[in-house]
Amino acid sequence: PRVYVMYFKTGTTDLDPGSEPVLAALRQAVGEGAEVQITGHTDTVGPADLNDRLSVERATEIRAVLVRQGLPVTDAKVTGRGERELLKPTADGVDEAANRRVEVILR
Protein backbone atom coordinates (compact mmCIF):
# COMPACT_ATOMS: atom_id res chain seq x y z
CA PRO A 1 0.00 0.00 0.00
CA ARG A 2 1.00 3.62 -0.59
CA VAL A 3 0.18 6.29 1.99
CA TYR A 4 -0.37 9.98 1.23
CA VAL A 5 -0.69 12.45 4.11
CA MET A 6 -2.09 15.96 3.69
CA TYR A 7 -2.41 18.64 6.36
CA PHE A 8 -5.09 21.25 7.01
CA LYS A 9 -5.48 24.76 8.37
CA THR A 10 -6.82 24.99 11.91
CA GLY A 11 -10.52 24.22 12.27
CA THR A 12 -11.17 23.98 8.51
CA THR A 13 -11.30 21.67 5.52
CA ASP A 14 -8.80 23.97 3.75
CA LEU A 15 -5.63 22.18 2.72
CA ASP A 16 -2.37 23.61 3.99
CA PRO A 17 -0.52 24.95 0.91
CA GLY A 18 2.44 22.68 1.68
CA SER A 19 0.22 19.65 1.04
CA GLU A 20 -0.65 20.58 -2.55
CA PRO A 21 2.29 18.55 -3.96
CA VAL A 22 1.09 15.49 -2.00
CA LEU A 23 -2.40 15.92 -3.44
CA ALA A 24 -0.89 16.19 -6.92
CA ALA A 25 1.10 12.99 -6.39
CA LEU A 26 -2.04 11.23 -5.14
CA ARG A 27 -3.96 12.33 -8.25
CA GLN A 28 -1.24 10.76 -10.41
CA ALA A 29 -1.22 7.51 -8.42
CA VAL A 30 -4.96 6.77 -8.27
CA GLY A 31 -5.86 4.26 -10.95
CA GLU A 32 -8.87 2.28 -12.03
CA GLY A 33 -9.61 -0.53 -9.60
CA ALA A 34 -7.49 0.90 -6.78
CA GLU A 35 -8.79 0.35 -3.28
CA VAL A 36 -8.80 3.78 -1.62
CA GLN A 37 -9.21 4.47 2.08
CA ILE A 38 -9.41 8.11 3.23
CA THR A 39 -9.16 8.84 6.96
CA GLY A 40 -9.49 12.29 8.51
CA HIS A 41 -7.94 13.44 11.79
CA THR A 42 -7.93 16.56 13.97
CA ASP A 43 -5.87 18.14 16.69
CA THR A 44 -7.26 18.38 20.24
CA VAL A 45 -8.67 21.92 20.00
CA GLY A 46 -12.43 21.99 20.48
CA PRO A 47 -14.99 19.45 21.66
CA ALA A 48 -14.54 15.80 20.66
CA ASP A 49 -17.89 15.61 18.82
CA LEU A 50 -16.98 18.63 16.69
CA ASN A 51 -13.58 17.10 15.94
CA ASP A 52 -15.24 13.84 14.90
CA ARG A 53 -17.40 15.74 12.41
CA LEU A 54 -14.48 17.85 11.15
CA SER A 55 -12.33 14.77 10.57
CA VAL A 56 -15.04 13.21 8.38
CA GLU A 57 -15.50 16.52 6.53
CA ARG A 58 -11.77 16.67 5.77
CA ALA A 59 -11.75 13.13 4.39
CA THR A 60 -14.90 13.81 2.37
CA GLU A 61 -13.36 16.97 0.93
CA ILE A 62 -10.30 15.09 -0.32
CA ARG A 63 -12.53 12.49 -1.97
CA ALA A 64 -14.62 15.28 -3.55
CA VAL A 65 -11.49 16.94 -4.98
CA LEU A 66 -10.43 13.66 -6.58
CA VAL A 67 -13.93 12.96 -7.93
CA ARG A 68 -14.17 16.47 -9.45
CA GLN A 69 -10.99 15.68 -11.34
CA GLY A 70 -12.54 12.55 -12.79
CA LEU A 71 -10.69 10.00 -10.69
CA PRO A 72 -12.41 6.68 -9.84
CA VAL A 73 -12.77 7.15 -6.08
CA THR A 74 -16.53 7.50 -5.57
CA ASP A 75 -16.47 4.16 -3.70
CA ALA A 76 -13.53 5.15 -1.50
CA LYS A 77 -13.95 4.36 2.18
CA VAL A 78 -14.17 7.64 4.09
CA THR A 79 -13.79 7.68 7.87
CA GLY A 80 -13.00 10.17 10.58
CA ARG A 81 -10.99 9.48 13.69
CA GLY A 82 -11.31 12.93 15.27
CA GLU A 83 -8.62 13.37 17.88
CA ARG A 84 -8.34 9.66 18.76
CA GLU A 85 -5.24 8.82 16.70
CA LEU A 86 -2.86 11.71 17.19
CA LEU A 87 0.28 11.66 15.10
CA LYS A 88 1.94 13.85 17.72
CA PRO A 89 0.48 13.22 21.19
CA THR A 90 -0.61 16.43 22.96
CA ALA A 91 -2.72 17.53 25.87
CA ASP A 92 -6.32 18.56 25.27
CA GLY A 93 -6.75 21.93 23.58
CA VAL A 94 -3.37 21.98 21.80
CA ASP A 95 -3.22 23.39 18.25
CA GLU A 96 -0.82 20.88 16.63
CA ALA A 97 -0.48 21.01 12.83
CA ALA A 98 0.80 17.42 12.56
CA ASN A 99 -2.51 16.11 13.90
CA ARG A 100 -4.73 18.05 11.44
CA ARG A 101 -4.42 15.61 8.57
CA VAL A 102 -5.98 13.22 6.11
CA GLU A 103 -4.27 9.94 5.33
CA VAL A 104 -5.06 8.26 2.02
CA ILE A 105 -4.09 4.62 1.60
CA LEU A 106 -3.98 3.16 -1.91
CA ARG A 107 -3.93 -0.59 -2.42
PDB file of N, CA and C in Angstrom:
ATOM      1  N   PRO A   1       0.822  -1.202   0.000  1.00  0.00           N
ATOM      2  CA  PRO A   1       0.000   0.000   0.000  1.00  0.00           C
ATOM      3  C   PRO A   1       0.867   1.268   0.000  1.00  0.00           C
ATOM      4  N   ARG A   2       0.342   2.309  -0.607  1.00  0.00           N
ATOM      5  CA  ARG A   2       1.000   3.615  -0.591  1.00  0.00           C
ATOM      6  C   ARG A   2       0.176   4.547   0.278  1.00  0.00           C
ATOM      7  N   VAL A   3       0.855   5.376   1.071  1.00  0.00           N
ATOM      8  CA  VAL A   3       0.183   6.292   1.985  1.00  0.00           C
ATOM      9  C   VAL A   3       0.524   7.721   1.602  1.00  0.00           C
ATOM     10  N   TYR A   4      -0.513   8.557   1.528  1.00  0.00           N
ATOM     11  CA  TYR A   4      -0.370   9.980   1.234  1.00  0.00           C
ATOM     12  C   TYR A   4      -0.974  10.748   2.400  1.00  0.00           C
ATOM     13  N   VAL A   5      -0.224  11.687   2.959  1.00  0.00           N
ATOM     14  CA  VAL A   5      -0.691  12.453   4.108  1.00  0.00           C
ATOM     15  C   VAL A   5      -0.729  13.933   3.739  1.00  0.00           C
ATOM     16  N   MET A   6      -1.902  14.543   3.958  1.00  0.00           N
ATOM     17  CA  MET A   6      -2.089  15.958   3.689  1.00  0.00           C
ATOM     18  C   MET A   6      -2.550  16.648   4.961  1.00  0.00           C
ATOM     19  N   TYR A   7      -2.133  17.888   5.139  1.00  0.00           N
ATOM     20  CA  TYR A   7      -2.406  18.636   6.363  1.00  0.00           C
ATOM     21  C   TYR A   7      -3.350  19.797   6.092  1.00  0.00           C
ATOM     22  N   PHE A   8      -4.039  20.255   7.139  1.00  0.00           N
ATOM     23  CA  PHE A   8      -5.095  21.255   7.014  1.00  0.00           C
ATOM     24  C   PHE A   8      -4.874  22.445   7.936  1.00  0.00           C
ATOM     25  N   LYS A   9      -5.486  23.561   7.532  1.00  0.00           N
ATOM     26  CA  LYS A   9      -5.479  24.760   8.366  1.00  0.00           C
ATOM     27  C   LYS A   9      -6.385  24.517   9.569  1.00  0.00           C
ATOM     28  N   THR A  10      -6.091  25.160  10.655  1.00  0.00           N
ATOM     29  CA  THR A  10      -6.821  24.987  11.908  1.00  0.00           C
ATOM     30  C   THR A  10      -8.325  25.147  11.744  1.00  0.00           C
ATOM     31  N   GLY A  11      -9.069  24.157  12.215  1.00  0.00           N
ATOM     32  CA  GLY A  11     -10.519  24.217  12.269  1.00  0.00           C
ATOM     33  C   GLY A  11     -11.241  24.248  10.936  1.00  0.00           C
ATOM     34  N   THR A  12     -10.566  23.884   9.840  1.00  0.00           N
ATOM     35  CA  THR A  12     -11.173  23.984   8.509  1.00  0.00           C
ATOM     36  C   THR A  12     -10.962  22.710   7.704  1.00  0.00           C
ATOM     37  N   THR A  13     -11.565  22.714   6.513  1.00  0.00           N
ATOM     38  CA  THR A  13     -11.298  21.675   5.523  1.00  0.00           C
ATOM     39  C   THR A  13     -10.395  22.225   4.430  1.00  0.00           C
ATOM     40  N   ASP A  14      -9.726  23.345   4.704  1.00  0.00           N
ATOM     41  CA  ASP A  14      -8.801  23.970   3.753  1.00  0.00           C
ATOM     42  C   ASP A  14      -7.427  23.329   3.877  1.00  0.00           C
ATOM     43  N   LEU A  15      -6.943  22.821   2.762  1.00  0.00           N
ATOM     44  CA  LEU A  15      -5.634  22.179   2.720  1.00  0.00           C
ATOM     45  C   LEU A  15      -4.533  23.192   3.004  1.00  0.00           C
ATOM     46  N   ASP A  16      -3.561  22.792   3.792  1.00  0.00           N
ATOM     47  CA  ASP A  16      -2.374  23.614   3.990  1.00  0.00           C
ATOM     48  C   ASP A  16      -1.640  23.662   2.653  1.00  0.00           C
ATOM     49  N   PRO A  17      -1.176  24.848   2.215  1.00  0.00           N
ATOM     50  CA  PRO A  17      -0.523  24.946   0.907  1.00  0.00           C
ATOM     51  C   PRO A  17       0.646  23.970   0.722  1.00  0.00           C
ATOM     52  N   GLY A  18       1.330  23.616   1.785  1.00  0.00           N
ATOM     53  CA  GLY A  18       2.437  22.677   1.679  1.00  0.00           C
ATOM     54  C   GLY A  18       2.013  21.272   1.303  1.00  0.00           C
ATOM     55  N   SER A  19       0.722  20.984   1.386  1.00  0.00           N
ATOM     56  CA  SER A  19       0.215  19.655   1.045  1.00  0.00           C
ATOM     57  C   SER A  19      -0.236  19.536  -0.404  1.00  0.00           C
ATOM     58  N   GLU A  20      -0.242  20.633  -1.139  1.00  0.00           N
ATOM     59  CA  GLU A  20      -0.652  20.584  -2.548  1.00  0.00           C
ATOM     60  C   GLU A  20       0.177  19.592  -3.366  1.00  0.00           C
ATOM     61  N   PRO A  21       1.522  19.539  -3.199  1.00  0.00           N
ATOM     62  CA  PRO A  21       2.293  18.546  -3.962  1.00  0.00           C
ATOM     63  C   PRO A  21       1.909  17.099  -3.628  1.00  0.00           C
ATOM     64  N   VAL A  22       1.522  16.846  -2.386  1.00  0.00           N
ATOM     65  CA  VAL A  22       1.089  15.493  -2.004  1.00  0.00           C
ATOM     66  C   VAL A  22      -0.221  15.159  -2.704  1.00  0.00           C
ATOM     67  N   LEU A  23      -1.135  16.130  -2.747  1.00  0.00           N
ATOM     68  CA  LEU A  23      -2.398  15.916  -3.441  1.00  0.00           C
ATOM     69  C   LEU A  23      -2.152  15.661  -4.926  1.00  0.00           C
ATOM     70  N   ALA A  24      -1.233  16.402  -5.511  1.00  0.00           N
ATOM     71  CA  ALA A  24      -0.894  16.193  -6.924  1.00  0.00           C
ATOM     72  C   ALA A  24      -0.325  14.794  -7.155  1.00  0.00           C
ATOM     73  N   ALA A  25       0.534  14.339  -6.262  1.00  0.00           N
ATOM     74  CA  ALA A  25       1.102  12.988  -6.387  1.00  0.00           C
ATOM     75  C   ALA A  25       0.007  11.937  -6.234  1.00  0.00           C
ATOM     76  N   LEU A  26      -0.917  12.153  -5.330  1.00  0.00           N
ATOM     77  CA  LEU A  26      -2.041  11.235  -5.139  1.00  0.00           C
ATOM     78  C   LEU A  26      -2.879  11.165  -6.407  1.00  0.00           C
ATOM     79  N   ARG A  27      -3.167  12.312  -7.007  1.00  0.00           N
ATOM     80  CA  ARG A  27      -3.955  12.330  -8.249  1.00  0.00           C
ATOM     81  C   ARG A  27      -3.286  11.487  -9.335  1.00  0.00           C
ATOM     82  N   GLN A  28      -1.974  11.538  -9.410  1.00  0.00           N
ATOM     83  CA  GLN A  28      -1.241  10.763 -10.408  1.00  0.00           C
ATOM     84  C   GLN A  28      -1.264   9.268 -10.105  1.00  0.00           C
ATOM     85  N   ALA A  29      -1.337   8.918  -8.837  1.00  0.00           N
ATOM     86  CA  ALA A  29      -1.224   7.514  -8.425  1.00  0.00           C
ATOM     87  C   ALA A  29      -2.542   6.746  -8.470  1.00  0.00           C
ATOM     88  N   VAL A  30      -3.668   7.462  -8.315  1.00  0.00           N
ATOM     89  CA  VAL A  30      -4.961   6.775  -8.270  1.00  0.00           C
ATOM     90  C   VAL A  30      -5.270   6.205  -9.647  1.00  0.00           C
ATOM     91  N   GLY A  31      -5.535   4.914  -9.682  1.00  0.00           N
ATOM     92  CA  GLY A  31      -5.862   4.257 -10.948  1.00  0.00           C
ATOM     93  C   GLY A  31      -7.160   3.494 -10.844  1.00  0.00           C
ATOM     94  N   GLU A  32      -7.653   3.077 -11.967  1.00  0.00           N
ATOM     95  CA  GLU A  32      -8.874   2.284 -12.025  1.00  0.00           C
ATOM     96  C   GLU A  32      -8.684   1.005 -11.216  1.00  0.00           C
ATOM     97  N   GLY A  33      -9.658   0.691 -10.384  1.00  0.00           N
ATOM     98  CA  GLY A  33      -9.609  -0.533  -9.603  1.00  0.00           C
ATOM     99  C   GLY A  33      -8.813  -0.432  -8.309  1.00  0.00           C
ATOM    100  N   ALA A  34      -8.255   0.737  -8.026  1.00  0.00           N
ATOM    101  CA  ALA A  34      -7.494   0.900  -6.783  1.00  0.00           C
ATOM    102  C   ALA A  34      -8.454   0.921  -5.597  1.00  0.00           C
ATOM    103  N   GLU A  35      -8.045   0.263  -4.528  1.00  0.00           N
ATOM    104  CA  GLU A  35      -8.792   0.348  -3.280  1.00  0.00           C
ATOM    105  C   GLU A  35      -8.277   1.585  -2.559  1.00  0.00           C
ATOM    106  N   VAL A  36      -9.193   2.504  -2.222  1.00  0.00           N
ATOM    107  CA  VAL A  36      -8.804   3.782  -1.625  1.00  0.00           C
ATOM    108  C   VAL A  36      -9.487   3.936  -0.275  1.00  0.00           C
ATOM    109  N   GLN A  37      -8.687   4.202   0.738  1.00  0.00           N
ATOM    110  CA  GLN A  37      -9.212   4.469   2.077  1.00  0.00           C
ATOM    111  C   GLN A  37      -8.750   5.863   2.482  1.00  0.00           C
ATOM    112  N   ILE A  38      -9.699   6.724   2.876  1.00  0.00           N
ATOM    113  CA  ILE A  38      -9.405   8.110   3.234  1.00  0.00           C
ATOM    114  C   ILE A  38      -9.840   8.321   4.677  1.00  0.00           C
ATOM    115  N   THR A  39      -8.873   8.678   5.537  1.00  0.00           N
ATOM    116  CA  THR A  39      -9.158   8.839   6.964  1.00  0.00           C
ATOM    117  C   THR A  39      -8.769  10.233   7.416  1.00  0.00           C
ATOM    118  N   GLY A  40      -9.736  10.944   7.996  1.00  0.00           N
ATOM    119  CA  GLY A  40      -9.494  12.286   8.508  1.00  0.00           C
ATOM    120  C   GLY A  40      -9.161  12.278   9.989  1.00  0.00           C
ATOM    121  N   HIS A  41      -8.373  13.284  10.395  1.00  0.00           N
ATOM    122  CA  HIS A  41      -7.943  13.437  11.789  1.00  0.00           C
ATOM    123  C   HIS A  41      -7.978  14.912  12.170  1.00  0.00           C
ATOM    124  N   THR A  42      -7.992  15.189  13.470  1.00  0.00           N
ATOM    125  CA  THR A  42      -7.932  16.564  13.965  1.00  0.00           C
ATOM    126  C   THR A  42      -6.914  16.668  15.092  1.00  0.00           C
ATOM    127  N   ASP A  43      -6.647  17.918  15.479  1.00  0.00           N
ATOM    128  CA  ASP A  43      -5.873  18.145  16.692  1.00  0.00           C
ATOM    129  C   ASP A  43      -6.848  18.094  17.873  1.00  0.00           C
ATOM    130  N   THR A  44      -6.421  18.504  19.046  1.00  0.00           N
ATOM    131  CA  THR A  44      -7.260  18.376  20.241  1.00  0.00           C
ATOM    132  C   THR A  44      -7.975  19.670  20.617  1.00  0.00           C
ATOM    133  N   VAL A  45      -7.951  20.672  19.738  1.00  0.00           N
ATOM    134  CA  VAL A  45      -8.668  21.923  19.999  1.00  0.00           C
ATOM    135  C   VAL A  45     -10.144  21.701  19.734  1.00  0.00           C
ATOM    136  N   GLY A  46     -10.985  22.110  20.654  1.00  0.00           N
ATOM    137  CA  GLY A  46     -12.431  21.991  20.479  1.00  0.00           C
ATOM    138  C   GLY A  46     -12.983  20.708  21.054  1.00  0.00           C
ATOM    139  N   PRO A  47     -14.327  20.638  21.105  1.00  0.00           N
ATOM    140  CA  PRO A  47     -14.988  19.452  21.656  1.00  0.00           C
ATOM    141  C   PRO A  47     -14.794  18.221  20.768  1.00  0.00           C
ATOM    142  N   ALA A  48     -14.770  17.061  21.377  1.00  0.00           N
ATOM    143  CA  ALA A  48     -14.536  15.799  20.664  1.00  0.00           C
ATOM    144  C   ALA A  48     -15.579  15.557  19.581  1.00  0.00           C
ATOM    145  N   ASP A  49     -16.854  15.859  19.841  1.00  0.00           N
ATOM    146  CA  ASP A  49     -17.889  15.607  18.823  1.00  0.00           C
ATOM    147  C   ASP A  49     -17.698  16.508  17.608  1.00  0.00           C
ATOM    148  N   LEU A  50     -17.279  17.742  17.812  1.00  0.00           N
ATOM    149  CA  LEU A  50     -16.985  18.635  16.693  1.00  0.00           C
ATOM    150  C   LEU A  50     -15.781  18.126  15.906  1.00  0.00           C
ATOM    151  N   ASN A  51     -14.763  17.643  16.604  1.00  0.00           N
ATOM    152  CA  ASN A  51     -13.578  17.098  15.936  1.00  0.00           C
ATOM    153  C   ASN A  51     -13.905  15.838  15.148  1.00  0.00           C
ATOM    154  N   ASP A  52     -14.810  15.023  15.660  1.00  0.00           N
ATOM    155  CA  ASP A  52     -15.238  13.844  14.903  1.00  0.00           C
ATOM    156  C   ASP A  52     -15.861  14.266  13.577  1.00  0.00           C
ATOM    157  N   ARG A  53     -16.752  15.249  13.629  1.00  0.00           N
ATOM    158  CA  ARG A  53     -17.397  15.744  12.408  1.00  0.00           C
ATOM    159  C   ARG A  53     -16.383  16.356  11.449  1.00  0.00           C
ATOM    160  N   LEU A  54     -15.478  17.184  11.987  1.00  0.00           N
ATOM    161  CA  LEU A  54     -14.478  17.845  11.154  1.00  0.00           C
ATOM    162  C   LEU A  54     -13.566  16.830  10.466  1.00  0.00           C
ATOM    163  N   SER A  55     -13.208  15.774  11.170  1.00  0.00           N
ATOM    164  CA  SER A  55     -12.329  14.768  10.566  1.00  0.00           C
ATOM    165  C   SER A  55     -13.002  14.083   9.378  1.00  0.00           C
ATOM    166  N   VAL A  56     -14.291  13.802   9.491  1.00  0.00           N
ATOM    167  CA  VAL A  56     -15.036  13.207   8.376  1.00  0.00           C
ATOM    168  C   VAL A  56     -15.146  14.217   7.233  1.00  0.00           C
ATOM    169  N   GLU A  57     -15.405  15.478   7.562  1.00  0.00           N
ATOM    170  CA  GLU A  57     -15.504  16.518   6.528  1.00  0.00           C
ATOM    171  C   GLU A  57     -14.189  16.666   5.760  1.00  0.00           C
ATOM    172  N   ARG A  58     -13.072  16.580   6.442  1.00  0.00           N
ATOM    173  CA  ARG A  58     -11.771  16.667   5.768  1.00  0.00           C
ATOM    174  C   ARG A  58     -11.582  15.497   4.800  1.00  0.00           C
ATOM    175  N   ALA A  59     -11.890  14.308   5.255  1.00  0.00           N
ATOM    176  CA  ALA A  59     -11.749  13.130   4.387  1.00  0.00           C
ATOM    177  C   ALA A  59     -12.695  13.223   3.198  1.00  0.00           C
ATOM    178  N   THR A  60     -13.915  13.662   3.445  1.00  0.00           N
ATOM    179  CA  THR A  60     -14.901  13.811   2.375  1.00  0.00           C
ATOM    180  C   THR A  60     -14.450  14.856   1.361  1.00  0.00           C
ATOM    181  N   GLU A  61     -13.843  15.931   1.830  1.00  0.00           N
ATOM    182  CA  GLU A  61     -13.355  16.975   0.933  1.00  0.00           C
ATOM    183  C   GLU A  61     -12.263  16.449   0.005  1.00  0.00           C
ATOM    184  N   ILE A  62     -11.347  15.649   0.536  1.00  0.00           N
ATOM    185  CA  ILE A  62     -10.295  15.087  -0.322  1.00  0.00           C
ATOM    186  C   ILE A  62     -10.910  14.176  -1.372  1.00  0.00           C
ATOM    187  N   ARG A  63     -11.868  13.341  -0.972  1.00  0.00           N
ATOM    188  CA  ARG A  63     -12.531  12.487  -1.967  1.00  0.00           C
ATOM    189  C   ARG A  63     -13.230  13.341  -3.014  1.00  0.00           C
ATOM    190  N   ALA A  64     -13.909  14.409  -2.609  1.00  0.00           N
ATOM    191  CA  ALA A  64     -14.619  15.279  -3.548  1.00  0.00           C
ATOM    192  C   ALA A  64     -13.658  15.935  -4.546  1.00  0.00           C
ATOM    193  N   VAL A  65     -12.498  16.345  -4.082  1.00  0.00           N
ATOM    194  CA  VAL A  65     -11.494  16.937  -4.980  1.00  0.00           C
ATOM    195  C   VAL A  65     -11.093  15.924  -6.046  1.00  0.00           C
ATOM    196  N   LEU A  66     -10.841  14.708  -5.634  1.00  0.00           N
ATOM    197  CA  LEU A  66     -10.432  13.664  -6.576  1.00  0.00           C
ATOM    198  C   LEU A  66     -11.551  13.327  -7.557  1.00  0.00           C
ATOM    199  N   VAL A  67     -12.779  13.262  -7.068  1.00  0.00           N
ATOM    200  CA  VAL A  67     -13.927  12.964  -7.931  1.00  0.00           C
ATOM    201  C   VAL A  67     -14.116  14.080  -8.958  1.00  0.00           C
ATOM    202  N   ARG A  68     -14.008  15.345  -8.519  1.00  0.00           N
ATOM    203  CA  ARG A  68     -14.165  16.474  -9.452  1.00  0.00           C
ATOM    204  C   ARG A  68     -13.146  16.422 -10.584  1.00  0.00           C
ATOM    205  N   GLN A  69     -12.030  15.789 -10.320  1.00  0.00           N
ATOM    206  CA  GLN A  69     -10.992  15.680 -11.344  1.00  0.00           C
ATOM    207  C   GLN A  69     -11.123  14.396 -12.155  1.00  0.00           C
ATOM    208  N   GLY A  70     -12.245  13.705 -11.970  1.00  0.00           N
ATOM    209  CA  GLY A  70     -12.539  12.549 -12.795  1.00  0.00           C
ATOM    210  C   GLY A  70     -11.871  11.256 -12.370  1.00  0.00           C
ATOM    211  N   LEU A  71     -11.357  11.216 -11.142  1.00  0.00           N
ATOM    212  CA  LEU A  71     -10.688   9.996 -10.689  1.00  0.00           C
ATOM    213  C   LEU A  71     -11.702   9.011 -10.103  1.00  0.00           C
ATOM    214  N   PRO A  72     -11.450   7.716 -10.237  1.00  0.00           N
ATOM    215  CA  PRO A  72     -12.413   6.681  -9.841  1.00  0.00           C
ATOM    216  C   PRO A  72     -12.376   6.388  -8.342  1.00  0.00           C
ATOM    217  N   VAL A  73     -12.830   7.344  -7.538  1.00  0.00           N
ATOM    218  CA  VAL A  73     -12.767   7.151  -6.079  1.00  0.00           C
ATOM    219  C   VAL A  73     -14.125   7.342  -5.402  1.00  0.00           C
ATOM    220  N   THR A  74     -15.210   7.297  -6.171  1.00  0.00           N
ATOM    221  CA  THR A  74     -16.530   7.497  -5.571  1.00  0.00           C
ATOM    222  C   THR A  74     -16.853   6.426  -4.537  1.00  0.00           C
ATOM    223  N   ASP A  75     -16.241   5.243  -4.656  1.00  0.00           N
ATOM    224  CA  ASP A  75     -16.471   4.164  -3.697  1.00  0.00           C
ATOM    225  C   ASP A  75     -15.413   4.119  -2.596  1.00  0.00           C
ATOM    226  N   ALA A  76     -14.577   5.131  -2.522  1.00  0.00           N
ATOM    227  CA  ALA A  76     -13.525   5.151  -1.499  1.00  0.00           C
ATOM    228  C   ALA A  76     -14.148   5.121  -0.109  1.00  0.00           C
ATOM    229  N   LYS A  77     -13.501   4.403   0.784  1.00  0.00           N
ATOM    230  CA  LYS A  77     -13.947   4.359   2.177  1.00  0.00           C
ATOM    231  C   LYS A  77     -13.498   5.646   2.852  1.00  0.00           C
ATOM    232  N   VAL A  78     -14.458   6.376   3.421  1.00  0.00           N
ATOM    233  CA  VAL A  78     -14.168   7.639   4.093  1.00  0.00           C
ATOM    234  C   VAL A  78     -14.517   7.484   5.565  1.00  0.00           C
ATOM    235  N   THR A  79     -13.554   7.748   6.427  1.00  0.00           N
ATOM    236  CA  THR A  79     -13.790   7.677   7.869  1.00  0.00           C
ATOM    237  C   THR A  79     -13.134   8.865   8.559  1.00  0.00           C
ATOM    238  N   GLY A  80     -13.599   9.131   9.750  1.00  0.00           N
ATOM    239  CA  GLY A  80     -12.999  10.170  10.579  1.00  0.00           C
ATOM    240  C   GLY A  80     -12.623   9.597  11.922  1.00  0.00           C
ATOM    241  N   ARG A  81     -11.464   9.964  12.384  1.00  0.00           N
ATOM    242  CA  ARG A  81     -10.990   9.483  13.687  1.00  0.00           C
ATOM    243  C   ARG A  81     -10.945  10.597  14.719  1.00  0.00           C
ATOM    244  N   GLY A  82     -11.325  11.819  14.313  1.00  0.00           N
ATOM    245  CA  GLY A  82     -11.314  12.928  15.267  1.00  0.00           C
ATOM    246  C   GLY A  82      -9.935  13.093  15.864  1.00  0.00           C
ATOM    247  N   GLU A  83      -9.897  13.194  17.174  1.00  0.00           N
ATOM    248  CA  GLU A  83      -8.623  13.375  17.876  1.00  0.00           C
ATOM    249  C   GLU A  83      -8.133  12.087  18.537  1.00  0.00           C
ATOM    250  N   ARG A  84      -8.673  10.934  18.112  1.00  0.00           N
ATOM    251  CA  ARG A  84      -8.336   9.657  18.761  1.00  0.00           C
ATOM    252  C   ARG A  84      -7.014   9.050  18.328  1.00  0.00           C
ATOM    253  N   GLU A  85      -6.500   9.405  17.176  1.00  0.00           N
ATOM    254  CA  GLU A  85      -5.241   8.817  16.703  1.00  0.00           C
ATOM    255  C   GLU A  85      -4.260   9.934  16.356  1.00  0.00           C
ATOM    256  N   LEU A  86      -3.770  10.582  17.388  1.00  0.00           N
ATOM    257  CA  LEU A  86      -2.865  11.713  17.193  1.00  0.00           C
ATOM    258  C   LEU A  86      -1.523  11.248  16.640  1.00  0.00           C
ATOM    259  N   LEU A  87      -1.047  11.940  15.625  1.00  0.00           N
ATOM    260  CA  LEU A  87       0.284  11.659  15.096  1.00  0.00           C
ATOM    261  C   LEU A  87       1.335  12.133  16.097  1.00  0.00           C
ATOM    262  N   LYS A  88       1.062  13.290  16.690  1.00  0.00           N
ATOM    263  CA  LYS A  88       1.937  13.845  17.725  1.00  0.00           C
ATOM    264  C   LYS A  88       1.092  14.019  18.983  1.00  0.00           C
ATOM    265  N   PRO A  89       1.292  13.147  19.975  1.00  0.00           N
ATOM    266  CA  PRO A  89       0.478  13.224  21.190  1.00  0.00           C
ATOM    267  C   PRO A  89       0.599  14.588  21.884  1.00  0.00           C
ATOM    268  N   THR A  90      -0.565  15.143  22.253  1.00  0.00           N
ATOM    269  CA  THR A  90      -0.613  16.425  22.956  1.00  0.00           C
ATOM    270  C   THR A  90      -1.675  16.370  24.038  1.00  0.00           C
ATOM    271  N   ALA A  91      -1.653  17.366  24.880  1.00  0.00           N
ATOM    272  CA  ALA A  91      -2.720  17.532  25.866  1.00  0.00           C
ATOM    273  C   ALA A  91      -3.967  18.045  25.146  1.00  0.00           C
ATOM    274  N   ASP A  92      -5.088  18.041  25.831  1.00  0.00           N
ATOM    275  CA  ASP A  92      -6.317  18.555  25.268  1.00  0.00           C
ATOM    276  C   ASP A  92      -6.184  20.056  25.008  1.00  0.00           C
ATOM    277  N   GLY A  93      -6.753  20.513  23.899  1.00  0.00           N
ATOM    278  CA  GLY A  93      -6.754  21.934  23.582  1.00  0.00           C
ATOM    279  C   GLY A  93      -5.508  22.455  22.890  1.00  0.00           C
ATOM    280  N   VAL A  94      -4.627  21.563  22.434  1.00  0.00           N
ATOM    281  CA  VAL A  94      -3.374  21.980  21.800  1.00  0.00           C
ATOM    282  C   VAL A  94      -3.533  22.020  20.277  1.00  0.00           C
ATOM    283  N   ASP A  95      -3.176  23.167  19.701  1.00  0.00           N
ATOM    284  CA  ASP A  95      -3.223  23.387  18.249  1.00  0.00           C
ATOM    285  C   ASP A  95      -1.939  22.806  17.644  1.00  0.00           C
ATOM    286  N   GLU A  96      -2.002  21.560  17.171  1.00  0.00           N
ATOM    287  CA  GLU A  96      -0.822  20.875  16.630  1.00  0.00           C
ATOM    288  C   GLU A  96      -1.059  20.524  15.156  1.00  0.00           C
ATOM    289  N   ALA A  97      -0.303  21.172  14.279  1.00  0.00           N
ATOM    290  CA  ALA A  97      -0.484  21.006  12.833  1.00  0.00           C
ATOM    291  C   ALA A  97      -0.324  19.562  12.374  1.00  0.00           C
ATOM    292  N   ALA A  98       0.559  18.802  12.989  1.00  0.00           N
ATOM    293  CA  ALA A  98       0.800  17.418  12.562  1.00  0.00           C
ATOM    294  C   ALA A  98      -0.429  16.529  12.753  1.00  0.00           C
ATOM    295  N   ASN A  99      -1.322  16.930  13.639  1.00  0.00           N
ATOM    296  CA  ASN A  99      -2.510  16.115  13.903  1.00  0.00           C
ATOM    297  C   ASN A  99      -3.691  16.466  13.000  1.00  0.00           C
ATOM    298  N   ARG A 100      -3.663  17.616  12.345  1.00  0.00           N
ATOM    299  CA  ARG A 100      -4.730  18.048  11.439  1.00  0.00           C
ATOM    300  C   ARG A 100      -4.435  17.507  10.047  1.00  0.00           C
ATOM    301  N   ARG A 101      -4.860  16.280   9.785  1.00  0.00           N
ATOM    302  CA  ARG A 101      -4.415  15.614   8.566  1.00  0.00           C
ATOM    303  C   ARG A 101      -5.475  14.680   8.009  1.00  0.00           C
ATOM    304  N   VAL A 102      -5.247  14.314   6.748  1.00  0.00           N
ATOM    305  CA  VAL A 102      -5.984  13.224   6.112  1.00  0.00           C
ATOM    306  C   VAL A 102      -4.940  12.259   5.579  1.00  0.00           C
ATOM    307  N   GLU A 103      -5.147  10.991   5.850  1.00  0.00           N
ATOM    308  CA  GLU A 103      -4.274   9.939   5.331  1.00  0.00           C
ATOM    309  C   GLU A 103      -5.050   9.170   4.278  1.00  0.00           C
ATOM    310  N   VAL A 104      -4.442   9.031   3.113  1.00  0.00           N
ATOM    311  CA  VAL A 104      -5.058   8.256   2.023  1.00  0.00           C
ATOM    312  C   VAL A 104      -4.175   7.043   1.767  1.00  0.00           C
ATOM    313  N   ILE A 105      -4.794   5.868   1.855  1.00  0.00           N
ATOM    314  CA  ILE A 105      -4.087   4.621   1.597  1.00  0.00           C
ATOM    315  C   ILE A 105      -4.590   4.051   0.286  1.00  0.00           C
ATOM    316  N   LEU A 106      -3.668   3.794  -0.632  1.00  0.00           N
ATOM    317  CA  LEU A 106      -3.983   3.160  -1.911  1.00  0.00           C
ATOM    318  C   LEU A 106      -3.487   1.726  -1.892  1.00  0.00           C
ATOM    319  N   ARG A 107      -4.329   0.813  -2.305  1.00  0.00           N
ATOM    320  CA  ARG A 107      -3.929  -0.595  -2.420  1.00  0.00           C
ATOM    321  C   ARG A 107      -4.224  -1.058  -3.817  1.00  0.00           C
TER     322      ARG A 107
END
